[in-house]
Amino acid sequence: MRVAQVSRSQKVKILHELINGKTLLLHTLYDNRERDPSKMTDEELKAEHERIRQKVFRQTGIMPPPLPDFEAMSDEELRAYAHKRQQCLS
């Protein structure tokens, strides 16, 4: 569990649970703020990908490649894309 994703009131709630002796399933006490990608539309997925690209660029100075059309790519192009993406992120 990342502490940055937990609000102050949720941290207090978790702290009270720890004081009362409950240590099991603390992850159920906080709300996950990340949306489920399987429930997102294509436009939302593209916007999320672009937001992540900009974040990576600000942190590393290297712009990851844009989201390609995976259905139109061959197997070799997919492997090249994956390799290029790994280089940008590492």
PDB file of N, CA and C in Angstrom:
ATOM      1  N   MET A   1       0.840  -1.168   0.000  1.00  0.00           N
ATOM      2  CA  MET A   1       0.000   0.000   0.000  1.00  0.00           C
ATOM      3  C   MET A   1       0.888   1.234   0.000  1.00  0.00           C
ATOM      4  N   ARG A   2       0.612   2.150  -0.906  1.00  0.00           N
ATOM      5  CA  ARG A   2       1.367   3.390  -0.940  1.00  0.00           C
ATOM      6  C   ARG A   2       0.662   4.421  -0.072  1.00  0.00           C
ATOM      7  N   VAL A   3       1.402   5.030   0.816  1.00  0.00           N
ATOM      8  CA  VAL A   3       0.822   5.979   1.761  1.00  0.00           C
ATOM      9  C   VAL A   3       0.326   7.225   1.044  1.00  0.00           C
ATOM     10  N   ALA A   4       0.949   7.597  -0.067  1.00  0.00           N
ATOM     11  CA  ALA A   4       0.549   8.812  -0.777  1.00  0.00           C
ATOM     12  C   ALA A   4      -0.852   8.691  -1.358  1.00  0.00           C
ATOM     13  N   GLN A   5      -1.338   7.474  -1.571  1.00  0.00           N
ATOM     14  CA  GLN A   5      -2.663   7.285  -2.154  1.00  0.00           C
ATOM     15  C   GLN A   5      -3.769   7.295  -1.105  1.00  0.00           C
ATOM     16  N   VAL A   6      -3.415   7.418   0.143  1.00  0.00           N
ATOM     17  CA  VAL A   6      -4.384   7.325   1.227  1.00  0.00           C
ATOM     18  C   VAL A   6      -4.627   8.712   1.802  1.00  0.00           C
ATOM     19  N   SER A   7      -5.901   9.077   1.931  1.00  0.00           N
ATOM     20  CA  SER A   7      -6.228  10.389   2.481  1.00  0.00           C
ATOM     21  C   SER A   7      -5.975  10.411   3.987  1.00  0.00           C
ATOM     22  N   ARG A   8      -5.993  11.611   4.545  1.00  0.00           N
ATOM     23  CA  ARG A   8      -5.713  11.768   5.980  1.00  0.00           C
ATOM     24  C   ARG A   8      -6.743  11.021   6.823  1.00  0.00           C
ATOM     25  N   SER A   9      -8.011  11.125   6.461  1.00  0.00           N
ATOM     26  CA  SER A   9      -9.044  10.446   7.254  1.00  0.00           C
ATOM     27  C   SER A   9      -8.895   8.930   7.167  1.00  0.00           C
ATOM     28  N   GLN A  10      -8.479   8.443   6.008  1.00  0.00           N
ATOM     29  CA  GLN A  10      -8.265   7.006   5.874  1.00  0.00           C
ATOM     30  C   GLN A  10      -7.050   6.559   6.680  1.00  0.00           C
ATOM     31  N   LYS A  11      -6.003   7.402   6.736  1.00  0.00           N
ATOM     32  CA  LYS A  11      -4.832   7.079   7.554  1.00  0.00           C
ATOM     33  C   LYS A  11      -5.216   6.991   9.030  1.00  0.00           C
ATOM     34  N   VAL A  12      -6.066   7.918   9.483  1.00  0.00           N
ATOM     35  CA  VAL A  12      -6.516   7.902  10.875  1.00  0.00           C
ATOM     36  C   VAL A  12      -7.326   6.639  11.138  1.00  0.00           C
ATOM     37  N   LYS A  13      -8.182   6.276  10.194  1.00  0.00           N
ATOM     38  CA  LYS A  13      -8.988   5.065  10.341  1.00  0.00           C
ATOM     39  C   LYS A  13      -8.097   3.828  10.440  1.00  0.00           C
ATOM     40  N   ILE A  14      -7.073   3.751   9.597  1.00  0.00           N
ATOM     41  CA  ILE A  14      -6.139   2.624   9.623  1.00  0.00           C
ATOM     42  C   ILE A  14      -5.361   2.618  10.935  1.00  0.00           C
ATOM     43  N   LEU A  15      -4.949   3.794  11.399  1.00  0.00           N
ATOM     44  CA  LEU A  15      -4.222   3.885  12.667  1.00  0.00           C
ATOM     45  C   LEU A  15      -5.073   3.374  13.828  1.00  0.00           C
ATOM     46  N   HIS A  16      -6.364   3.746  13.847  1.00  0.00           N
ATOM     47  CA  HIS A  16      -7.254   3.253  14.898  1.00  0.00           C
ATOM     48  C   HIS A  16      -7.406   1.739  14.829  1.00  0.00           C
ATOM     49  N   GLU A  17      -7.476   1.198  13.618  1.00  0.00           N
ATOM     50  CA  GLU A  17      -7.577  -0.257  13.467  1.00  0.00           C
ATOM     51  C   GLU A  17      -6.313  -0.939  13.981  1.00  0.00           C
ATOM     52  N   LEU A  18      -5.147  -0.348  13.710  1.00  0.00           N
ATOM     53  CA  LEU A  18      -3.896  -0.922  14.204  1.00  0.00           C
ATOM     54  C   LEU A  18      -3.823  -0.873  15.727  1.00  0.00           C
ATOM     55  N   ILE A  19      -4.273   0.240  16.301  1.00  0.00           N
ATOM     56  CA  ILE A  19      -4.263   0.378  17.759  1.00  0.00           C
ATOM     57  C   ILE A  19      -5.187  -0.653  18.401  1.00  0.00           C
ATOM     58  N   ASN A  20      -6.317  -0.928  17.746  1.00  0.00           N
ATOM     59  CA  ASN A  20      -7.276  -1.897  18.280  1.00  0.00           C
ATOM     60  C   ASN A  20      -6.868  -3.335  18.008  1.00  0.00           C
ATOM     61  N   GLY A  21      -5.733  -3.543  17.378  1.00  0.00           N
ATOM     62  CA  GLY A  21      -5.215  -4.891  17.190  1.00  0.00           C
ATOM     63  C   GLY A  21      -5.537  -5.544  15.868  1.00  0.00           C
ATOM     64  N   LYS A  22      -6.215  -4.861  14.973  1.00  0.00           N
ATOM     65  CA  LYS A  22      -6.524  -5.450  13.672  1.00  0.00           C
ATOM     66  C   LYS A  22      -5.382  -5.150  12.706  1.00  0.00           C
ATOM     67  N   THR A  23      -4.741  -6.185  12.218  1.00  0.00           N
ATOM     68  CA  THR A  23      -3.652  -5.990  11.260  1.00  0.00           C
ATOM     69  C   THR A  23      -3.947  -6.675   9.939  1.00  0.00           C
ATOM     70  N   LEU A  24      -5.011  -7.432   9.865  1.00  0.00           N
ATOM     71  CA  LEU A  24      -5.333  -8.183   8.664  1.00  0.00           C
ATOM     72  C   LEU A  24      -6.198  -7.344   7.735  1.00  0.00           C
ATOM     73  N   LEU A  25      -5.902  -7.378   6.465  1.00  0.00           N
ATOM     74  CA  LEU A  25      -6.693  -6.736   5.417  1.00  0.00           C
ATOM     75  C   LEU A  25      -6.794  -5.220   5.567  1.00  0.00           C
ATOM     76  N   LEU A  26      -5.682  -4.578   5.878  1.00  0.00           N
ATOM     77  CA  LEU A  26      -5.694  -3.118   5.967  1.00  0.00           C
ATOM     78  C   LEU A  26      -5.938  -2.476   4.612  1.00  0.00           C
ATOM     79  N   HIS A  27      -5.588  -3.191   3.530  1.00  0.00           N
ATOM     80  CA  HIS A  27      -5.796  -2.606   2.204  1.00  0.00           C
ATOM     81  C   HIS A  27      -7.278  -2.400   1.908  1.00  0.00           C
ATOM     82  N   THR A  28      -8.156  -3.066   2.635  1.00  0.00           N
ATOM     83  CA  THR A  28      -9.587  -2.878   2.409  1.00  0.00           C
ATOM     84  C   THR A  28     -10.100  -1.604   3.061  1.00  0.00           C
ATOM     85  N   LEU A  29      -9.294  -0.962   3.893  1.00  0.00           N
ATOM     86  CA  LEU A  29      -9.741   0.229   4.608  1.00  0.00           C
ATOM     87  C   LEU A  29      -9.568   1.517   3.812  1.00  0.00           C
ATOM     88  N   TYR A  30      -8.860   1.466   2.711  1.00  0.00           N
ATOM     89  CA  TYR A  30      -8.685   2.686   1.926  1.00  0.00           C
ATOM     90  C   TYR A  30      -9.266   2.501   0.537  1.00  0.00           C
ATOM     91  N   ASP A  31      -9.679   3.599  -0.063  1.00  0.00           N
ATOM     92  CA  ASP A  31     -10.268   3.570  -1.395  1.00  0.00           C
ATOM     93  C   ASP A  31      -9.167   3.664  -2.430  1.00  0.00           C
ATOM     94  N   ASN A  32      -9.201   2.789  -3.397  1.00  0.00           N
ATOM     95  CA  ASN A  32      -8.241   2.852  -4.490  1.00  0.00           C
ATOM     96  C   ASN A  32      -8.711   3.932  -5.458  1.00  0.00           C
ATOM     97  N   ARG A  33      -7.883   4.919  -5.699  1.00  0.00           N
ATOM     98  CA  ARG A  33      -8.280   6.051  -6.532  1.00  0.00           C
ATOM     99  C   ARG A  33      -7.977   5.846  -8.005  1.00  0.00           C
ATOM    100  N   GLU A  34      -7.275   4.775  -8.335  1.00  0.00           N
ATOM    101  CA  GLU A  34      -6.977   4.504  -9.733  1.00  0.00           C
ATOM    102  C   GLU A  34      -8.172   3.808 -10.370  1.00  0.00           C
ATOM    103  N   ARG A  35      -8.524   4.254 -11.574  1.00  0.00           N
ATOM    104  CA  ARG A  35      -9.648   3.647 -12.274  1.00  0.00           C
ATOM    105  C   ARG A  35      -9.236   2.332 -12.896  1.00  0.00           C
ATOM    106  N   ASP A  36     -10.185   1.450 -13.053  1.00  0.00           N
ATOM    107  CA  ASP A  36      -9.951   0.157 -13.677  1.00  0.00           C
ATOM    108  C   ASP A  36      -9.849   0.376 -15.186  1.00  0.00           C
ATOM    109  N   PRO A  37      -8.698   0.059 -15.802  1.00  0.00           N
ATOM    110  CA  PRO A  37      -8.549   0.283 -17.249  1.00  0.00           C
ATOM    111  C   PRO A  37      -9.556  -0.482 -18.090  1.00  0.00           C
ATOM    112  N   SER A  38     -10.067  -1.604 -17.603  1.00  0.00           N
ATOM    113  CA  SER A  38     -11.035  -2.370 -18.384  1.00  0.00           C
ATOM    114  C   SER A  38     -12.377  -1.654 -18.494  1.00  0.00           C
ATOM    115  N   LYS A  39     -12.622  -0.676 -17.625  1.00  0.00           N
ATOM    116  CA  LYS A  39     -13.880   0.067 -17.656  1.00  0.00           C
ATOM    117  C   LYS A  39     -13.732   1.431 -18.325  1.00  0.00           C
ATOM    118  N   MET A  40     -12.546   1.744 -18.832  1.00  0.00           N
ATOM    119  CA  MET A  40     -12.298   3.041 -19.454  1.00  0.00           C
ATOM    120  C   MET A  40     -12.582   2.971 -20.948  1.00  0.00           C
ATOM    121  N   THR A  41     -13.027   4.096 -21.519  1.00  0.00           N
ATOM    122  CA  THR A  41     -13.230   4.165 -22.962  1.00  0.00           C
ATOM    123  C   THR A  41     -11.882   4.362 -23.651  1.00  0.00           C
ATOM    124  N   ASP A  42     -11.872   4.217 -24.972  1.00  0.00           N
ATOM    125  CA  ASP A  42     -10.635   4.396 -25.724  1.00  0.00           C
ATOM    126  C   ASP A  42     -10.071   5.801 -25.544  1.00  0.00           C
ATOM    127  N   GLU A  43     -10.945   6.805 -25.538  1.00  0.00           N
ATOM    128  CA  GLU A  43     -10.488   8.180 -25.371  1.00  0.00           C
ATOM    129  C   GLU A  43      -9.858   8.382 -23.995  1.00  0.00           C
ATOM    130  N   GLU A  44     -10.463   7.786 -22.972  1.00  0.00           N
ATOM    131  CA  GLU A  44      -9.908   7.906 -21.625  1.00  0.00           C
ATOM    132  C   GLU A  44      -8.564   7.193 -21.513  1.00  0.00           C
ATOM    133  N   LEU A  45      -8.446   6.029 -22.166  1.00  0.00           N
ATOM    134  CA  LEU A  45      -7.170   5.309 -22.159  1.00  0.00           C
ATOM    135  C   LEU A  45      -6.077   6.121 -22.843  1.00  0.00           C
ATOM    136  N   LYS A  46      -6.415   6.739 -23.979  1.00  0.00           N
ATOM    137  CA  LYS A  46      -5.430   7.552 -24.691  1.00  0.00           C
ATOM    138  C   LYS A  46      -5.032   8.775 -23.868  1.00  0.00           C
ATOM    139  N   ALA A  47      -6.000   9.398 -23.208  1.00  0.00           N
ATOM    140  CA  ALA A  47      -5.701  10.557 -22.363  1.00  0.00           C
ATOM    141  C   ALA A  47      -4.825  10.150 -21.179  1.00  0.00           C
ATOM    142  N   GLU A  48      -5.103   8.999 -20.583  1.00  0.00           N
ATOM    143  CA  GLU A  48      -4.290   8.507 -19.461  1.00  0.00           C
ATOM    144  C   GLU A  48      -2.875   8.192 -19.926  1.00  0.00           C
ATOM    145  N   HIS A  49      -2.759   7.575 -21.107  1.00  0.00           N
ATOM    146  CA  HIS A  49      -1.437   7.263 -21.646  1.00  0.00           C
ATOM    147  C   HIS A  49      -0.644   8.547 -21.908  1.00  0.00           C
ATOM    148  N   GLU A  50      -1.301   9.557 -22.447  1.00  0.00           N
ATOM    149  CA  GLU A  50      -0.619  10.821 -22.722  1.00  0.00           C
ATOM    150  C   GLU A  50      -0.186  11.499 -21.422  1.00  0.00           C
ATOM    151  N   ARG A  51      -1.024  11.418 -20.380  1.00  0.00           N
ATOM    152  CA  ARG A  51      -0.670  11.989 -19.083  1.00  0.00           C
ATOM    153  C   ARG A  51       0.566  11.294 -18.512  1.00  0.00           C
ATOM    154  N   ILE A  52       0.625   9.976 -18.648  1.00  0.00           N
ATOM    155  CA  ILE A  52       1.778   9.216 -18.157  1.00  0.00           C
ATOM    156  C   ILE A  52       3.017   9.552 -18.971  1.00  0.00           C
ATOM    157  N   ARG A  53       2.862   9.711 -20.293  1.00  0.00           N
ATOM    158  CA  ARG A  53       4.000  10.088 -21.146  1.00  0.00           C
ATOM    159  C   ARG A  53       4.593  11.416 -20.697  1.00  0.00           C
ATOM    160  N   GLN A  54       3.726  12.399 -20.443  1.00  0.00           N
ATOM    161  CA  GLN A  54       4.194  13.713 -20.015  1.00  0.00           C
ATOM    162  C   GLN A  54       4.877  13.632 -18.652  1.00  0.00           C
ATOM    163  N   LYS A  55       4.346  12.801 -17.757  1.00  0.00           N
ATOM    164  CA  LYS A  55       4.949  12.630 -16.433  1.00  0.00           C
ATOM    165  C   LYS A  55       6.337  12.019 -16.552  1.00  0.00           C
ATOM    166  N   VAL A  56       6.482  10.984 -17.388  1.00  0.00           N
ATOM    167  CA  VAL A  56       7.783  10.345 -17.592  1.00  0.00           C
ATOM    168  C   VAL A  56       8.756  11.342 -18.203  1.00  0.00           C
ATOM    169  N   PHE A  57       8.289  12.163 -19.143  1.00  0.00           N
ATOM    170  CA  PHE A  57       9.150  13.156 -19.780  1.00  0.00           C
ATOM    171  C   PHE A  57       9.639  14.183 -18.757  1.00  0.00           C
ATOM    172  N   ARG A  58       8.741  14.633 -17.879  1.00  0.00           N
ATOM    173  CA  ARG A  58       9.146  15.604 -16.852  1.00  0.00           C
ATOM    174  C   ARG A  58      10.166  15.003 -15.892  1.00  0.00           C
ATOM    175  N   GLN A  59      10.016  13.720 -15.575  1.00  0.00           N
ATOM    176  CA  GLN A  59      10.912  13.083 -14.613  1.00  0.00           C
ATOM    177  C   GLN A  59      12.252  12.691 -15.209  1.00  0.00           C
ATOM    178  N   THR A  60      12.255  12.224 -16.460  1.00  0.00           N
ATOM    179  CA  THR A  60      13.478  11.668 -17.041  1.00  0.00           C
ATOM    180  C   THR A  60      14.067  12.513 -18.156  1.00  0.00           C
ATOM    181  N   GLY A  61      13.255  13.351 -18.776  1.00  0.00           N
ATOM    182  CA  GLY A  61      13.729  14.122 -19.916  1.00  0.00           C
ATOM    183  C   GLY A  61      13.666  13.344 -21.219  1.00  0.00           C
ATOM    184  N   ILE A  62      13.156  12.115 -21.173  1.00  0.00           N
ATOM    185  CA  ILE A  62      13.023  11.278 -22.370  1.00  0.00           C
ATOM    186  C   ILE A  62      11.541  11.040 -22.610  1.00  0.00           C
ATOM    187  N   MET A  63      11.080  11.382 -23.824  1.00  0.00           N
ATOM    188  CA  MET A  63       9.669  11.210 -24.147  1.00  0.00           C
ATOM    189  C   MET A  63       9.418   9.795 -24.650  1.00  0.00           C
ATOM    190  N   PRO A  64       8.568   9.018 -23.955  1.00  0.00           N
ATOM    191  CA  PRO A  64       8.223   7.689 -24.456  1.00  0.00           C
ATOM    192  C   PRO A  64       7.454   7.799 -25.774  1.00  0.00           C
ATOM    193  N   PRO A  65       7.468   6.740 -26.570  1.00  0.00           N
ATOM    194  CA  PRO A  65       6.755   6.794 -27.846  1.00  0.00           C
ATOM    195  C   PRO A  65       5.248   6.897 -27.630  1.00  0.00           C
ATOM    196  N   PRO A  66       4.532   7.497 -28.588  1.00  0.00           N
ATOM    197  CA  PRO A  66       3.080   7.606 -28.444  1.00  0.00           C
ATOM    198  C   PRO A  66       2.417   6.236 -28.564  1.00  0.00           C
ATOM    199  N   LEU A  67       1.172   6.174 -28.160  1.00  0.00           N
ATOM    200  CA  LEU A  67       0.415   4.929 -28.211  1.00  0.00           C
ATOM    201  C   LEU A  67       0.082   4.604 -29.667  1.00  0.00           C
ATOM    202  N   PRO A  68       0.620   3.517 -30.204  1.00  0.00           N
ATOM    203  CA  PRO A  68       0.364   3.176 -31.607  1.00  0.00           C
ATOM    204  C   PRO A  68      -0.937   2.390 -31.770  1.00  0.00           C
ATOM    205  N   ASP A  69      -1.284   2.132 -33.026  1.00  0.00           N
ATOM    206  CA  ASP A  69      -2.434   1.290 -33.347  1.00  0.00           C
ATOM    207  C   ASP A  69      -1.949  -0.158 -33.327  1.00  0.00           C
ATOM    208  N   PHE A  70      -2.175  -0.847 -32.229  1.00  0.00           N
ATOM    209  CA  PHE A  70      -1.637  -2.192 -32.055  1.00  0.00           C
ATOM    210  C   PHE A  70      -2.242  -3.202 -33.026  1.00  0.00           C
ATOM    211  N   GLU A  71      -3.487  -3.015 -33.400  1.00  0.00           N
ATOM    212  CA  GLU A  71      -4.143  -3.968 -34.296  1.00  0.00           C
ATOM    213  C   GLU A  71      -3.524  -3.955 -35.681  1.00  0.00           C
ATOM    214  N   ALA A  72      -2.985  -2.824 -36.105  1.00  0.00           N
ATOM    215  CA  ALA A  72      -2.416  -2.711 -37.447  1.00  0.00           C
ATOM    216  C   ALA A  72      -0.942  -3.102 -37.490  1.00  0.00           C
ATOM    217  N   MET A  73      -0.342  -3.388 -36.339  1.00  0.00           N
ATOM    218  CA  MET A  73       1.088  -3.688 -36.292  1.00  0.00           C
ATOM    219  C   MET A  73       1.351  -5.182 -36.468  1.00  0.00           C
ATOM    220  N   SER A  74       2.486  -5.487 -37.105  1.00  0.00           N
ATOM    221  CA  SER A  74       2.911  -6.882 -37.232  1.00  0.00           C
ATOM    222  C   SER A  74       3.605  -7.315 -35.941  1.00  0.00           C
ATOM    223  N   ASP A  75       3.930  -8.598 -35.833  1.00  0.00           N
ATOM    224  CA  ASP A  75       4.605  -9.102 -34.634  1.00  0.00           C
ATOM    225  C   ASP A  75       5.962  -8.442 -34.437  1.00  0.00           C
ATOM    226  N   GLU A  76       6.710  -8.233 -35.525  1.00  0.00           N
ATOM    227  CA  GLU A  76       8.028  -7.602 -35.414  1.00  0.00           C
ATOM    228  C   GLU A  76       7.906  -6.158 -34.948  1.00  0.00           C
ATOM    229  N   GLU A  77       6.899  -5.459 -35.455  1.00  0.00           N
ATOM    230  CA  GLU A  77       6.686  -4.076 -35.036  1.00  0.00           C
ATOM    231  C   GLU A  77       6.290  -4.008 -33.556  1.00  0.00           C
ATOM    232  N   LEU A  78       5.485  -4.980 -33.117  1.00  0.00           N
ATOM    233  CA  LEU A  78       5.103  -5.017 -31.706  1.00  0.00           C
ATOM    234  C   LEU A  78       6.316  -5.253 -30.812  1.00  0.00           C
ATOM    235  N   ARG A  79       7.206  -6.162 -31.216  1.00  0.00           N
ATOM    236  CA  ARG A  79       8.416  -6.420 -30.432  1.00  0.00           C
ATOM    237  C   ARG A  79       9.320  -5.187 -30.405  1.00  0.00           C
ATOM    238  N   ALA A  80       9.450  -4.509 -31.557  1.00  0.00           N
ATOM    239  CA  ALA A  80      10.273  -3.300 -31.614  1.00  0.00           C
ATOM    240  C   ALA A  80       9.682  -2.207 -30.721  1.00  0.00           C
ATOM    241  N   TYR A  81       8.361  -2.094 -30.731  1.00  0.00           N
ATOM    242  CA  TYR A  81       7.701  -1.108 -29.877  1.00  0.00           C
ATOM    243  C   TYR A  81       7.957  -1.415 -28.404  1.00  0.00           C
ATOM    244  N   ALA A  82       7.813  -2.681 -28.021  1.00  0.00           N
ATOM    245  CA  ALA A  82       8.032  -3.071 -26.627  1.00  0.00           C
ATOM    246  C   ALA A  82       9.475  -2.803 -26.211  1.00  0.00           C
ATOM    247  N   HIS A  83      10.428  -3.095 -27.093  1.00  0.00           N
ATOM    248  CA  HIS A  83      11.840  -2.863 -26.783  1.00  0.00           C
ATOM    249  C   HIS A  83      12.118  -1.366 -26.623  1.00  0.00           C
ATOM    250  N   LYS A  84      11.571  -0.563 -27.524  1.00  0.00           N
ATOM    251  CA  LYS A  84      11.775   0.886 -27.466  1.00  0.00           C
ATOM    252  C   LYS A  84      11.148   1.467 -26.190  1.00  0.00           C
ATOM    253  N   ARG A  85       9.990   0.952 -25.826  1.00  0.00           N
ATOM    254  CA  ARG A  85       9.317   1.424 -24.615  1.00  0.00           C
ATOM    255  C   ARG A  85      10.129   1.076 -23.368  1.00  0.00           C
ATOM    256  N   GLN A  86      10.682  -0.128 -23.317  1.00  0.00           N
ATOM    257  CA  GLN A  86      11.501  -0.521 -22.173  1.00  0.00           C
ATOM    258  C   GLN A  86      12.743   0.361 -22.051  1.00  0.00           C
ATOM    259  N   GLN A  87      13.341   0.725 -23.189  1.00  0.00           N
ATOM    260  CA  GLN A  87      14.516   1.596 -23.162  1.00  0.00           C
ATOM    261  C   GLN A  87      14.160   2.971 -22.615  1.00  0.00           C
ATOM    262  N   CYS A  88      12.997   3.487 -23.014  1.00  0.00           N
ATOM    263  CA  CYS A  88      12.587   4.812 -22.544  1.00  0.00           C
ATOM    264  C   CYS A  88      12.281   4.817 -21.050  1.00  0.00           C
ATOM    265  N   LEU A  89      11.704   3.735 -20.558  1.00  0.00           N
ATOM    266  CA  LEU A  89      11.290   3.698 -19.161  1.00  0.00           C
ATOM    267  C   LEU A  89      12.408   3.320 -18.210  1.00  0.00           C
ATOM    268  N   SER A  90      13.472   2.699 -18.731  1.00  0.00           N
ATOM    269  CA  SER A  90      14.551   2.290 -17.828  1.00  0.00           C
ATOM    270  C   SER A  90      15.641   3.336 -17.738  1.00  0.00           C
TER     271      SER A  90
END
